[in-house]
C-alpha cells in the first residue's frame, strides 16, 4: 500500500472517530436537557419560551438543543431568542443578529445602556457584576412581559449550580443553590434552566465542535468574581484528583434528608415522639456512611482547601 493511500485511510478513520464522538456528545446533551425539562415540567404545551442569549457557549448550546427538541417534542411550544445589548465598549453588535438570521429564529435585540449606569454607580476597581445582574434581570423580566413569554430560559448548567451551592455555604451561611425552575423576583414569570443536568465540559466541547460565534464575556472590563472563581477551581481540582466526586455531590442535591439537618422550618423536631415501630426518618447518625468499593478507591484522602475571602 502506498504512503498516500495509507494516509487517506488514517485520515478517514480519524474523521469517523471524531464524528462518532461528536454524535455521542450531542445525544448526551440532548438527552440531559430533555430529561431536565421532563423531570421539572419546564416547558408545557402552548408555552412561549424566551431564550436568553448572551453570546456565550452555554446559551448558544441551550438554544441549539431547544430548537432540536421543538421539532421532535410531542407538544407545541414557541421560542424567541433575546439578547441584551448593554452597550459595553467594543461589543460586536452584528454577531448575534447575523447568526440568528441565518438560523431563521425569531429574536429580539434589546438595547439598554446599563454599562454607563454601572460605571457611574460602582467605584473603580470594585466588582460590577452584582448591580449589572440586577439591572439585566429587571430588563429581561420587562421584555418577557412585552413578548408575552410564559417561560424565561437561562443557560446555567450543573457546574454553575454546584458552585452556587458552595458559594452560599462558604460565604452566605445558606444551603442554597440555583433551582432548575423558579418563580421570578416579581412573581410574574417562571424561570427555567434546561441545562441543569449538563456539565460544563460537555458544553464546552460541543460549542467548540459546532463553532458557535462566541462573544467574550469580559467586554466590560470588570474583575472576575474572586469567590466564585475559587469555588470553581476547588471543584475542578477535586474532579481531576477524585473522578466521580462532582457527580456524587450533584446527586446529593437531589437526595435531601431534612430530618438529618438543622432547619426547624423544614422538619418538626419539636414534634418528634417515640414509636413502637421503625420510622422512615429514624436516627442513623451513628451508622457508618455507605460507600461503594469503587468510590472508596477513587476518593482517597479528603483535602481541606482554604478559600480567599
Protein backbone atom coordinates (compact mmCIF):
# COMPACT_ATOMS: atom_id res chain seq x y z
CA UNK A 1 0.00 0.00 0.00
CA UNK A 2 1.32 3.42 -0.93
CA UNK A 3 2.00 6.08 1.69
CA UNK A 4 -0.69 8.27 0.13
CA UNK A 5 -3.33 5.54 0.40
CA UNK A 6 -2.32 4.82 3.98
CA UNK A 7 -2.61 8.50 4.89
CA UNK A 8 -6.10 8.65 3.37
CA UNK A 9 -7.24 5.61 5.37
CA UNK A 10 -5.81 7.07 8.59
CA UNK A 11 -7.48 10.40 7.90
CA UNK A 12 -10.83 8.74 7.18
CA UNK A 13 -10.54 6.67 10.37
CA UNK A 14 -9.79 9.77 12.43
CA UNK A 15 -12.76 11.61 10.92
CA UNK A 16 -15.06 8.64 11.65
CA UNK A 17 -13.94 8.53 15.28
CA UNK A 18 -14.38 12.28 15.59
CA UNK A 19 -17.90 12.09 14.13
CA UNK A 20 -18.80 9.17 16.41
CA UNK A 21 -17.53 11.07 19.44
CA UNK A 22 -19.48 14.21 18.46
CA UNK A 23 -22.69 12.22 17.93
CA UNK A 24 -22.36 10.68 21.41
CA UNK A 25 -21.76 14.11 22.92
CA UNK A 26 -24.72 15.64 21.10
CA UNK A 27 -27.06 12.80 22.09
CA UNK A 28 -25.93 13.03 25.72
CA UNK A 29 -26.60 16.77 25.90
CA UNK A 30 -29.96 16.44 24.16
CA UNK A 31 -30.94 13.58 26.45
CA UNK A 32 -29.93 15.50 29.58
CA UNK A 33 -31.86 18.61 28.52
CA UNK A 34 -34.92 16.54 27.64
CA UNK A 35 -34.78 14.76 31.00
CA UNK A 36 -34.45 18.01 32.94
CA UNK A 37 -37.39 19.51 31.08
CA UNK A 38 -39.46 16.41 31.79
CA UNK A 39 -38.43 15.99 35.44
CA UNK A 40 -39.33 19.57 36.36
CA UNK A 41 -42.13 20.26 33.84
CA UNK A 42 -40.14 23.18 32.47
CA UNK A 43 -41.95 23.50 29.16
CA UNK A 44 -45.66 22.79 28.62
CA UNK A 45 -47.95 22.73 25.64
CA UNK A 46 -48.54 26.22 24.27
CA UNK A 47 -45.61 27.84 26.07
CA UNK A 48 -43.69 30.73 24.59
CA UNK A 49 -40.12 30.37 25.83
CA UNK A 50 -37.86 33.42 25.90
CA UNK A 51 -34.32 32.07 25.46
CA UNK A 52 -31.81 34.47 26.99
CA UNK A 53 -28.86 34.53 24.60
CA UNK A 54 -25.66 36.15 25.87
CA UNK A 55 -23.35 35.02 23.10
CA UNK A 56 -21.52 32.57 25.37
CA UNK A 57 -21.13 28.80 24.95
CA UNK A 58 -23.89 27.93 27.43
CA UNK A 59 -26.72 29.99 25.94
CA UNK A 60 -25.76 29.02 22.37
CA UNK A 61 -25.89 25.34 23.34
CA UNK A 62 -29.21 25.82 25.13
CA UNK A 63 -30.81 27.46 22.08
CA UNK A 64 -29.39 24.82 19.74
CA UNK A 65 -30.85 21.94 21.77
CA UNK A 66 -34.20 23.64 22.38
CA UNK A 67 -34.57 24.17 18.63
CA UNK A 68 -33.97 20.45 18.09
CA UNK A 69 -36.40 19.43 20.84
CA UNK A 70 -39.01 21.82 19.45
CA UNK A 71 -39.06 19.76 16.23
CA UNK A 72 -39.50 16.35 17.89
CA UNK A 73 -41.46 17.15 21.06
CA UNK A 74 -45.00 15.76 21.42
CA UNK A 75 -46.14 19.23 22.48
CA UNK A 76 -46.12 22.58 20.69
CA UNK A 77 -44.14 25.50 22.05
CA UNK A 78 -42.59 28.64 20.59
CA UNK A 79 -39.08 30.01 21.04
CA UNK A 80 -37.88 33.59 20.89
CA UNK A 81 -34.21 34.42 21.44
CA UNK A 82 -33.46 37.63 23.33
CA UNK A 83 -30.11 39.33 23.68
CA UNK A 84 -29.49 42.34 25.88
CA UNK A 85 -27.02 44.75 24.32
CA UNK A 86 -25.76 46.62 27.39
CA UNK A 87 -23.61 49.00 25.32
CA UNK A 88 -20.25 47.83 26.58
CA UNK A 89 -17.44 49.41 24.54
CA UNK A 90 -16.39 47.09 21.76
CA UNK A 91 -19.45 44.87 21.87
CA UNK A 92 -19.76 43.23 18.40
CA UNK A 93 -23.39 44.12 17.67
CA UNK A 94 -23.50 42.29 14.32
CA UNK A 95 -22.62 38.77 15.51
CA UNK A 96 -25.87 37.63 17.11
CA UNK A 97 -28.29 39.15 14.55
CA UNK A 98 -26.31 37.56 11.70
CA UNK A 99 -26.24 34.18 13.45
CA UNK A 100 -29.94 34.24 14.32
CA UNK A 101 -30.95 35.46 10.85
CA UNK A 102 -29.05 32.52 9.38
CA UNK A 103 -30.89 30.13 11.70
CA UNK A 104 -34.24 31.70 10.89
CA UNK A 105 -35.01 32.08 14.59
CA UNK A 106 -37.45 34.62 15.97
CA UNK A 107 -35.40 37.04 18.07
CA UNK A 108 -35.20 40.47 19.62
CA UNK A 109 -32.13 42.55 20.49
CA UNK A 110 -32.85 44.79 23.48
CA UNK A 111 -30.60 47.86 23.72
CA UNK A 112 -30.16 49.33 27.19
CA UNK A 113 -27.10 51.31 28.31
CA UNK A 114 -26.63 49.59 31.67
CA UNK A 115 -22.86 49.86 31.20
CA UNK A 116 -22.90 53.61 31.84
CA UNK A 117 -25.14 53.20 34.88
CA UNK A 118 -22.86 50.56 36.41
CA UNK A 119 -19.73 52.61 35.74
CA UNK A 120 -21.36 55.65 37.34
CA UNK A 121 -22.55 53.82 40.46
CA UNK A 122 -19.67 51.39 41.15
CA UNK A 123 -16.28 52.78 42.26
CA UNK A 124 -13.31 52.00 40.02
CA UNK A 125 -11.79 48.60 40.79
CA UNK A 126 -14.89 47.20 42.51
CA UNK A 127 -16.81 44.24 41.10
CA UNK A 128 -19.63 45.41 38.84
CA UNK A 129 -21.33 42.01 38.48
CA UNK A 130 -23.93 42.43 41.25
CA UNK A 131 -25.51 45.69 40.03
CA UNK A 132 -25.16 44.66 36.39
CA UNK A 133 -27.00 41.40 37.13
CA UNK A 134 -29.88 43.18 38.90
CA UNK A 135 -30.32 45.65 36.06
CA UNK A 136 -30.17 42.89 33.46
CA UNK A 137 -32.72 40.79 35.32
CA UNK A 138 -35.21 43.63 35.51
CA UNK A 139 -34.88 44.37 31.79
CA UNK A 140 -35.34 40.69 30.89
CA UNK A 141 -38.48 40.44 33.04
CA UNK A 142 -39.91 43.51 31.34
CA UNK A 143 -39.05 42.11 27.92
CA UNK A 144 -40.69 38.78 28.74
CA UNK A 145 -43.90 40.64 29.61
CA UNK A 146 -43.77 42.65 26.39
CA UNK A 147 -43.24 39.49 24.32
CA UNK A 148 -45.94 37.54 26.12
CA UNK A 149 -43.40 34.86 27.12
CA UNK A 150 -44.60 32.25 29.61
CA UNK A 151 -41.13 30.93 30.46
CA UNK A 152 -37.67 32.53 30.67
CA UNK A 153 -34.84 30.10 29.86
CA UNK A 154 -31.37 30.73 31.32
CA UNK A 155 -28.19 28.88 30.35
CA UNK A 156 -26.90 27.86 33.79
CA UNK A 157 -25.61 24.28 33.91
CA UNK A 158 -24.81 21.62 36.53
CA UNK A 159 -21.43 23.12 37.45
CA UNK A 160 -22.97 26.57 37.96
CA UNK A 161 -25.47 25.01 40.36
CA UNK A 162 -22.76 23.24 42.36
CA UNK A 163 -20.59 26.36 42.50
CA UNK A 164 -23.57 28.35 43.79
CA UNK A 165 -24.25 25.72 46.46
CA UNK A 166 -20.71 26.00 47.85
CA UNK A 167 -20.65 29.78 47.40
CA UNK A 168 -23.75 30.09 49.58
CA UNK A 169 -22.43 27.65 52.17
CA UNK A 170 -18.99 29.22 52.47
CA UNK A 171 -19.93 32.89 52.18
CA UNK A 172 -23.69 33.15 52.74
CA UNK A 173 -24.41 30.67 55.52
CA UNK A 174 -27.16 29.04 53.46
CA UNK A 175 -27.70 25.59 51.98
CA UNK A 176 -28.99 27.00 48.72
CA UNK A 177 -28.25 26.67 45.03
CA UNK A 178 -29.74 27.57 41.63
CA UNK A 179 -33.04 25.70 41.20
CA UNK A 180 -33.92 24.22 37.81
CA UNK A 181 -37.24 26.08 37.91
CA UNK A 182 -38.49 29.00 39.99
CA UNK A 183 -40.80 31.99 40.08
CA UNK A 184 -39.13 35.29 39.20
CA UNK A 185 -38.47 38.00 41.78
CA UNK A 186 -41.55 39.96 40.68
CA UNK A 187 -43.74 36.85 40.80
CA UNK A 188 -44.88 37.29 37.20
CA UNK A 189 -42.60 34.85 35.38
CA UNK A 190 -41.34 31.28 35.56
CA UNK A 191 -37.59 30.93 35.06
CA UNK A 192 -36.18 27.61 33.84
CA UNK A 193 -32.67 26.18 33.45
CA UNK A 194 -32.82 23.47 30.77
CA UNK A 195 -29.07 22.73 31.08
CA UNK A 196 -29.43 21.73 34.75
CA UNK A 197 -28.26 18.15 34.08
CA UNK A 198 -25.46 19.11 31.65
CA UNK A 199 -21.84 19.50 32.73
CA UNK A 200 -19.70 22.39 31.60
CA UNK A 201 -17.02 20.21 29.99
CA UNK A 202 -19.58 18.68 27.60
CA UNK A 203 -20.99 22.10 26.74
CA UNK A 204 -17.52 23.48 26.04
CA UNK A 205 -16.65 20.55 23.75
CA UNK A 206 -19.96 20.91 21.94
CA UNK A 207 -19.62 24.66 21.44
CA UNK A 208 -16.11 24.18 20.03
CA UNK A 209 -17.21 21.39 17.68
CA UNK A 210 -20.20 23.34 16.36
CA UNK A 211 -18.11 26.53 16.19
CA UNK A 212 -20.63 28.90 17.72
CA UNK A 213 -19.66 32.58 17.19
CA UNK A 214 -18.69 33.13 20.83
CA UNK A 215 -18.71 36.69 22.19
CA UNK A 216 -16.16 37.25 25.01
CA UNK A 217 -17.71 37.84 28.43
CA UNK A 218 -15.05 40.31 29.60
CA UNK A 219 -16.01 43.24 27.41
CA UNK A 220 -16.99 45.43 30.36
CA UNK A 221 -13.53 45.09 31.85
CA UNK A 222 -14.84 44.25 35.34
CA UNK A 223 -12.80 41.97 37.58
CA UNK A 224 -13.83 38.36 37.93
CA UNK A 225 -15.88 37.28 40.91
CA UNK A 226 -12.97 36.01 43.03
CA UNK A 227 -15.09 33.92 45.40
CA UNK A 228 -16.87 32.07 42.59
CA UNK A 229 -13.60 31.51 40.75
CA UNK A 230 -12.07 29.99 43.88
CA UNK A 231 -15.02 27.62 44.19
CA UNK A 232 -14.71 26.67 40.52
CA UNK A 233 -11.01 25.92 40.89
CA UNK A 234 -11.66 23.84 44.01
CA UNK A 235 -14.29 21.72 42.25
CA UNK A 236 -12.11 21.31 39.17
CA UNK A 237 -9.24 20.13 41.38
CA UNK A 238 -11.50 17.60 43.09
CA UNK A 239 -12.71 16.36 39.73
CA UNK A 240 -9.16 15.83 38.48
CA UNK A 241 -7.96 14.01 41.59
CA UNK A 242 -11.16 12.22 42.58
CA UNK A 243 -13.25 11.30 39.50
CA UNK A 244 -16.90 10.85 40.34
CA UNK A 245 -16.98 13.28 43.28
CA UNK A 246 -18.75 16.01 41.30
CA UNK A 247 -21.44 13.57 40.15
CA UNK A 248 -21.92 12.36 43.74
CA UNK A 249 -22.31 15.91 45.07
CA UNK A 250 -24.82 16.76 42.37
CA UNK A 251 -26.78 13.61 43.19
CA UNK A 252 -26.80 14.70 46.84
CA UNK A 253 -28.61 17.88 45.84
CA UNK A 254 -31.44 15.65 44.63
CA UNK A 255 -31.45 13.38 47.67
CA UNK A 256 -32.02 15.58 50.72
CA UNK A 257 -32.96 14.34 54.22
CA UNK A 258 -34.42 17.33 56.16
CA UNK A 259 -34.68 15.24 59.33
CA UNK A 260 -30.89 14.94 59.38
CA UNK A 261 -30.14 18.64 59.03
CA UNK A 262 -30.86 21.54 61.41
CA UNK A 263 -33.52 23.63 59.69
CA UNK A 264 -36.54 23.74 62.03
CA UNK A 265 -38.71 25.25 59.29
CA UNK A 266 -38.27 22.11 57.16
CA UNK A 267 -38.65 19.49 59.87
CA UNK A 268 -40.73 19.41 63.06
CA UNK A 269 -38.07 18.48 65.60
CA UNK A 270 -40.30 19.62 68.48
CA UNK A 271 -42.95 17.14 67.38
CA UNK A 272 -40.68 14.08 67.48
CA UNK A 273 -42.11 11.25 69.59
CA UNK A 274 -41.14 7.69 70.35
CA UNK A 275 -42.75 4.89 68.38
CA UNK A 276 -43.18 1.14 68.81
CA UNK A 277 -42.22 0.58 65.18
CA UNK A 278 -39.46 1.72 62.84
CA UNK A 279 -39.83 5.15 61.24
CA UNK A 280 -38.59 6.22 57.82
CA UNK A 281 -36.60 9.20 59.10
CA UNK A 282 -35.21 7.49 62.19
CA UNK A 283 -31.76 8.14 63.62
CA UNK A 284 -28.94 6.74 61.51
CA UNK A 285 -26.42 9.31 62.65
CA UNK A 286 -24.27 6.66 64.35
CA UNK A 287 -24.21 4.41 61.29
CA UNK A 288 -21.12 4.49 59.10
CA UNK A 289 -21.74 6.11 55.71
CA UNK A 290 -22.22 3.57 52.95
CA UNK A 291 -19.72 3.79 50.11
CA UNK A 292 -19.27 1.59 47.11
CA UNK A 293 -15.88 -0.10 46.71
CA UNK A 294 -15.32 1.97 43.57
CA UNK A 295 -15.98 5.30 45.30
CA UNK A 296 -13.62 4.37 48.15
CA UNK A 297 -10.84 3.68 45.69
CA UNK A 298 -11.43 6.98 43.89
CA UNK A 299 -11.92 9.26 46.87
CA UNK A 300 -8.66 8.78 48.75
CA UNK A 301 -7.95 11.36 51.44
CA UNK A 302 -10.14 14.45 51.79
CA UNK A 303 -8.16 17.65 51.44
CA UNK A 304 -9.18 20.86 53.21
CA UNK A 305 -8.97 23.80 50.83
CA UNK A 306 -8.72 27.35 52.14
CA UNK A 307 -10.58 29.88 50.04
CA UNK A 308 -9.72 33.56 49.87
CA UNK A 309 -12.37 35.91 51.19
